[in-house]
């Protein structure tokens, strides 16, 4: 397993951009597929984005396609989520997550991920 710590969440205005960071520790980071999920009160975690090992493949949830970009820096053991054109409906707690080798399946769901960060709050005002 890996330990994950998110940062970068804050309050912004609609149309603004924001970058979330996820610091990972643990020797298995390099072989983990990494993802971002988000959750609003009373709802299930929603898939946002995933980047596979070595950054080979990227997948996005329909609601963020074309606006959000996931990336990873394997030297620094970091995962990022660049969020552009933010809208009030993007308001949520955002979670970084790690999926061990060969566990990721389609459609991508939270059950594919075994390590989770504590979350970081993003609030978008209109």
Foldseek 3Di string as FASTA:
>chain_A
DKAKAKDWADEEAAQAKTKIKIAIDDPQLQQWKKFKWWDDPPDDIHGAKIAGHPSPDIDGDPVQPPFWDWDADVVRRMIMIIGGRDDQVVWTWMKMFIAGPPQADPPGDPVRTDYIYPTGTHGYHD
